[in-house]
Amino acid sequence: MSDVSKRLEKADKYIQKGKLEDALKEFEAILDDDPENGAVRERAADLAITLNRSRDAVAFLGPLFDQQAAVGDVAKAVITYKKLARLGSPRLEQSLRYGQFLEKTNKKEALDLFEEVGRQLLKIGQRHDALIAYKRIVTLDPKLENFKRLGDLAAELRDGRTAAVAYFECGELEQKIGKNSHSANRWPSVKTARPTSAIFMSARSWGRSAPKKPIRWCGRCMPEIPSTRRKLRCWPPPILTSATTPKR
């Protein structure tokens, strides 16, 4: 019998006798030797909750959620996160991951969570993580205000691809609601993060005539916003003088 099995057997006997503190010590000893043992970590967390040892429970649950999320065990990760949330202590990165798990089953809860996480991440200066939250928001709620926020934050972070796509969508949405979107000063100038990147814009969104033929589809550079894929054509819009174009 392995040391882990012996300790588990010993812990079970302690639990049967009502000696929960001793059982928890056995679980902790196992995790010291095998920190990736999710089953034991889960039992330890539940035992810590039973003993009202919230701090210890959080120490078990946090890594457990990360492990479950990393392997794509969504069902268990959701349960673990809810336990963490009841203790009031998930990290913002964990909340962001949890929101992604919720997107298909509870769109409203996921959207509310992304909004809150985005605000908190900006508050503590983690703007790149906040950008991830804003990308998820426009996927769930693709309205003008959300694309504006995404574009502005991406521009600040010099993420030219994401910013350009967001501003493109702003132009598309403004046309749908009848606003004039042809002004060169309407959106801020966007600079690309790399000289080989192009700024993507729809010519008609900027009040210019599209060329008779698209120069080329830029599948290599398609950003992560699904609603915009296959819609963008890549050409150097004269209005964005700060943009650079890829070599042909």
Protein backbone atom coordinates (compact mmCIF):
# COMPACT_ATOMS: atom_id res chain seq x y z
CA MET A 1 0.00 0.00 0.00
CA SER A 2 1.41 3.41 -0.98
CA ASP A 3 1.96 6.22 1.49
CA VAL A 4 -0.95 8.15 -0.06
CA SER A 5 -3.30 5.21 0.38
CA LYS A 6 -2.17 4.72 3.97
CA ARG A 7 -2.74 8.37 4.78
CA LEU A 8 -6.15 8.34 3.10
CA GLU A 9 -7.16 5.29 5.09
CA LYS A 10 -5.95 6.97 8.24
CA ALA A 11 -7.86 10.16 7.40
CA ASP A 12 -11.05 8.19 6.79
CA LYS A 13 -10.73 6.52 10.19
CA TYR A 14 -10.28 9.93 11.83
CA ILE A 15 -13.42 11.19 10.09
CA GLN A 16 -15.41 8.15 11.27
CA LYS A 17 -14.32 8.91 14.82
CA GLY A 18 -15.20 12.58 14.44
CA LYS A 19 -11.58 13.69 14.61
CA LEU A 20 -11.84 16.12 11.72
CA GLU A 21 -8.79 18.20 12.61
CA ASP A 22 -6.58 15.12 12.53
CA ALA A 23 -8.11 14.03 9.22
CA LEU A 24 -7.35 17.44 7.75
CA LYS A 25 -3.73 17.13 8.81
CA GLU A 26 -3.50 13.86 6.92
CA PHE A 27 -4.92 15.50 3.81
CA GLU A 28 -2.43 18.34 4.14
CA ALA A 29 0.45 15.86 4.43
CA ILE A 30 -0.69 14.15 1.22
CA LEU A 31 -0.86 17.48 -0.61
CA ASP A 32 2.62 18.39 0.57
CA ASP A 33 3.91 15.36 -1.32
CA ASP A 34 1.39 15.47 -4.18
CA PRO A 35 0.06 19.03 -4.69
CA GLU A 36 -1.65 18.05 -7.96
CA ASN A 37 -3.93 15.54 -6.24
CA GLY A 38 -7.24 17.24 -6.97
CA ALA A 39 -9.43 14.64 -5.27
CA VAL A 40 -7.60 15.04 -1.96
CA ARG A 41 -7.52 18.83 -2.30
CA GLU A 42 -11.29 18.85 -2.80
CA ARG A 43 -11.85 16.71 0.29
CA ALA A 44 -9.51 18.91 2.30
CA ALA A 45 -11.39 22.03 1.19
CA ASP A 46 -14.76 20.55 2.16
CA LEU A 47 -13.39 19.50 5.53
CA ALA A 48 -11.95 22.97 6.14
CA ILE A 49 -15.35 24.50 5.35
CA THR A 50 -17.01 22.12 7.81
CA LEU A 51 -14.52 23.21 10.47
CA ASN A 52 -15.20 26.91 9.66
CA ARG A 53 -11.57 27.38 8.66
CA SER A 54 -12.28 29.72 5.78
CA ARG A 55 -8.69 30.75 5.18
CA ASP A 56 -7.57 27.15 4.84
CA ALA A 57 -10.54 26.39 2.60
CA VAL A 58 -9.55 29.23 0.26
CA ALA A 59 -5.97 27.93 0.18
CA PHE A 60 -7.30 24.58 -1.03
CA LEU A 61 -10.01 25.85 -3.37
CA GLY A 62 -7.98 28.44 -5.28
CA PRO A 63 -5.42 26.01 -6.73
CA LEU A 64 -8.17 23.42 -7.19
CA PHE A 65 -10.15 25.78 -9.43
CA ASP A 66 -7.00 26.60 -11.42
CA GLN A 67 -6.29 22.90 -11.94
CA GLN A 68 -9.84 22.13 -13.04
CA ALA A 69 -10.00 25.13 -15.36
CA ALA A 70 -6.64 24.24 -16.92
CA VAL A 71 -7.83 20.76 -17.92
CA GLY A 72 -11.24 21.99 -19.06
CA ASP A 73 -13.26 20.28 -16.34
CA VAL A 74 -15.96 22.95 -16.52
CA ALA A 75 -18.56 21.24 -14.32
CA LYS A 76 -16.20 20.79 -11.38
CA ALA A 77 -14.58 24.19 -11.91
CA VAL A 78 -17.98 25.90 -11.67
CA ILE A 79 -18.78 24.12 -8.40
CA THR A 80 -15.36 25.02 -6.98
CA TYR A 81 -15.72 28.66 -7.99
CA LYS A 82 -19.10 28.92 -6.28
CA LYS A 83 -17.55 27.63 -3.07
CA LEU A 84 -14.82 30.25 -3.41
CA ALA A 85 -17.39 32.96 -4.08
CA ARG A 86 -19.31 32.04 -0.93
CA LEU A 87 -16.11 32.66 0.98
CA GLY A 88 -15.78 35.99 -0.86
CA SER A 89 -12.30 35.49 -2.20
CA PRO A 90 -11.91 34.49 -5.89
CA ARG A 91 -9.09 36.26 -7.70
CA LEU A 92 -10.13 38.52 -10.57
CA GLU A 93 -8.41 36.23 -13.05
CA GLN A 94 -10.45 33.34 -11.69
CA SER A 95 -13.66 35.35 -12.01
CA LEU A 96 -12.75 36.12 -15.61
CA ARG A 97 -12.26 32.43 -16.35
CA TYR A 98 -15.48 31.53 -14.57
CA GLY A 99 -17.35 34.07 -16.67
CA GLN A 100 -16.11 32.32 -19.81
CA PHE A 101 -17.53 29.06 -18.50
CA LEU A 102 -20.89 30.74 -17.98
CA GLU A 103 -21.25 32.25 -21.45
CA LYS A 104 -23.26 29.40 -22.94
CA THR A 105 -25.44 28.65 -19.92
CA ASN A 106 -26.09 32.05 -18.32
CA LYS A 107 -25.34 34.95 -20.65
CA LYS A 108 -26.67 37.65 -18.29
CA GLU A 109 -24.65 36.47 -15.29
CA ALA A 110 -21.54 36.18 -17.44
CA LEU A 111 -22.04 39.69 -18.82
CA ASP A 112 -22.53 41.19 -15.36
CA LEU A 113 -19.44 39.38 -14.14
CA PHE A 114 -17.29 40.60 -17.04
CA GLU A 115 -18.46 44.17 -16.41
CA GLU A 116 -17.50 44.00 -12.73
CA VAL A 117 -14.21 42.21 -13.37
CA GLY A 118 -13.31 44.72 -16.10
CA ARG A 119 -13.92 47.63 -13.73
CA GLN A 120 -11.87 46.06 -10.96
CA LEU A 121 -8.98 45.17 -13.27
CA LEU A 122 -8.82 48.74 -14.59
CA LYS A 123 -8.93 50.03 -11.02
CA ILE A 124 -5.80 48.08 -10.07
CA GLY A 125 -4.02 48.82 -13.35
CA GLN A 126 -4.28 45.39 -15.01
CA ARG A 127 -5.41 46.83 -18.33
CA HIS A 128 -4.40 43.90 -20.51
CA ASP A 129 -6.57 41.56 -18.45
CA ALA A 130 -9.36 44.15 -18.57
CA LEU A 131 -9.10 44.06 -22.36
CA ILE A 132 -9.89 40.32 -22.25
CA ALA A 133 -13.03 41.10 -20.24
CA TYR A 134 -14.07 43.80 -22.73
CA LYS A 135 -13.61 41.38 -25.63
CA ARG A 136 -15.94 38.93 -23.93
CA ILE A 137 -18.45 41.72 -23.31
CA VAL A 138 -18.72 42.69 -27.00
CA THR A 139 -19.11 39.04 -27.91
CA LEU A 140 -22.09 38.74 -25.55
CA ASP A 141 -23.48 42.25 -26.02
CA PRO A 142 -22.26 43.76 -29.33
CA LYS A 143 -23.60 47.27 -28.92
CA LEU A 144 -22.02 50.59 -29.85
CA GLU A 145 -21.04 51.67 -26.33
CA ASN A 146 -19.22 48.40 -25.67
CA PHE A 147 -17.26 48.52 -28.92
CA LYS A 148 -16.25 52.12 -28.15
CA ARG A 149 -14.86 51.07 -24.77
CA LEU A 150 -13.02 48.16 -26.31
CA GLY A 151 -11.53 50.31 -29.05
CA ASP A 152 -10.41 53.04 -26.68
CA LEU A 153 -8.72 50.61 -24.28
CA ALA A 154 -7.07 48.68 -27.11
CA ALA A 155 -5.75 51.93 -28.59
CA GLU A 156 -4.28 52.91 -25.22
CA LEU A 157 -2.54 49.53 -25.07
CA ARG A 158 -1.30 49.91 -28.67
CA ASP A 159 -3.25 46.84 -29.73
CA GLY A 160 -3.91 48.13 -33.23
CA ARG A 161 -5.71 45.07 -34.51
CA THR A 162 -8.30 44.95 -31.74
CA ALA A 163 -8.78 48.73 -31.75
CA ALA A 164 -9.33 48.86 -35.49
CA VAL A 165 -11.88 46.06 -35.43
CA ALA A 166 -13.74 47.72 -32.57
CA TYR A 167 -13.85 51.07 -34.41
CA PHE A 168 -14.92 49.30 -37.58
CA GLU A 169 -17.87 47.84 -35.68
CA CYS A 170 -18.66 51.30 -34.28
CA GLY A 171 -18.90 52.62 -37.83
CA GLU A 172 -21.12 49.73 -38.88
CA LEU A 173 -23.44 50.19 -35.91
CA GLU A 174 -23.65 53.95 -36.34
CA GLN A 175 -24.66 53.50 -39.95
CA LYS A 176 -27.42 51.15 -38.84
CA ILE A 177 -28.81 53.70 -36.41
CA GLY A 178 -28.42 56.56 -38.89
CA LYS A 179 -25.51 58.47 -37.39
CA ASN A 180 -22.87 60.16 -39.50
CA SER A 181 -19.65 58.23 -39.12
CA HIS A 182 -17.53 59.66 -41.97
CA SER A 183 -15.60 62.25 -39.95
CA ALA A 184 -11.86 61.67 -39.75
CA ASN A 185 -11.89 63.00 -36.21
CA ARG A 186 -14.69 60.77 -35.01
CA TRP A 187 -12.44 58.03 -33.66
CA PRO A 188 -8.93 58.46 -32.25
CA SER A 189 -5.96 57.67 -34.45
CA VAL A 190 -4.81 54.10 -33.89
CA LYS A 191 -1.18 53.10 -34.11
CA THR A 192 -0.24 49.51 -34.68
CA ALA A 193 1.91 47.64 -32.22
CA ARG A 194 4.11 46.16 -34.99
CA PRO A 195 5.22 47.73 -38.27
CA THR A 196 3.95 44.73 -40.28
CA SER A 197 0.42 45.06 -38.90
CA ALA A 198 -2.33 46.86 -40.77
CA ILE A 199 -5.17 48.95 -39.45
CA PHE A 200 -8.42 47.35 -40.55
CA MET A 201 -11.25 49.63 -41.51
CA SER A 202 -14.22 49.49 -43.80
CA ALA A 203 -13.98 52.21 -46.44
CA ARG A 204 -17.71 52.80 -46.32
CA SER A 205 -17.56 53.22 -42.54
CA TRP A 206 -15.30 56.18 -43.18
CA GLY A 207 -17.44 57.68 -45.92
CA ARG A 208 -15.14 56.59 -48.73
CA SER A 209 -15.83 54.43 -51.74
CA ALA A 210 -14.57 50.90 -51.47
CA PRO A 211 -12.23 49.74 -54.24
CA LYS A 212 -13.76 47.68 -57.04
CA LYS A 213 -11.84 44.68 -55.81
CA PRO A 214 -10.59 44.06 -52.30
CA ILE A 215 -6.82 44.10 -52.16
CA ARG A 216 -6.92 40.84 -50.24
CA TRP A 217 -8.61 39.12 -47.35
CA CYS A 218 -6.37 39.35 -44.37
CA GLY A 219 -7.10 35.99 -42.75
CA ARG A 220 -3.66 35.96 -41.10
CA CYS A 221 -4.53 38.99 -39.04
CA MET A 222 -8.16 38.32 -38.21
CA PRO A 223 -8.73 39.36 -34.61
CA GLU A 224 -10.62 37.48 -31.94
CA ILE A 225 -14.02 39.09 -32.38
CA PRO A 226 -16.12 36.50 -34.25
CA SER A 227 -18.74 38.96 -35.58
CA THR A 228 -16.09 40.78 -37.60
CA ARG A 229 -14.37 37.84 -39.23
CA ARG A 230 -14.73 37.63 -43.01
CA LYS A 231 -16.12 41.19 -43.13
CA LEU A 232 -12.90 43.18 -43.06
CA ARG A 233 -10.85 43.98 -46.10
CA CYS A 234 -7.30 45.08 -45.67
CA TRP A 235 -6.14 48.24 -47.39
CA PRO A 236 -4.37 51.39 -46.23
CA PRO A 237 -7.17 53.83 -45.48
CA PRO A 238 -5.90 57.32 -46.41
CA ILE A 239 -7.64 58.75 -43.39
CA LEU A 240 -5.45 56.82 -40.95
CA THR A 241 -2.04 58.23 -41.77
CA SER A 242 -0.45 56.61 -38.71
CA ALA A 243 -1.22 53.09 -39.95
CA THR A 244 1.39 50.99 -41.67
CA THR A 245 0.59 48.36 -44.24
CA PRO A 246 1.94 44.85 -44.64
CA LYS A 247 4.38 44.04 -47.41
CA ARG A 248 2.89 42.45 -50.47
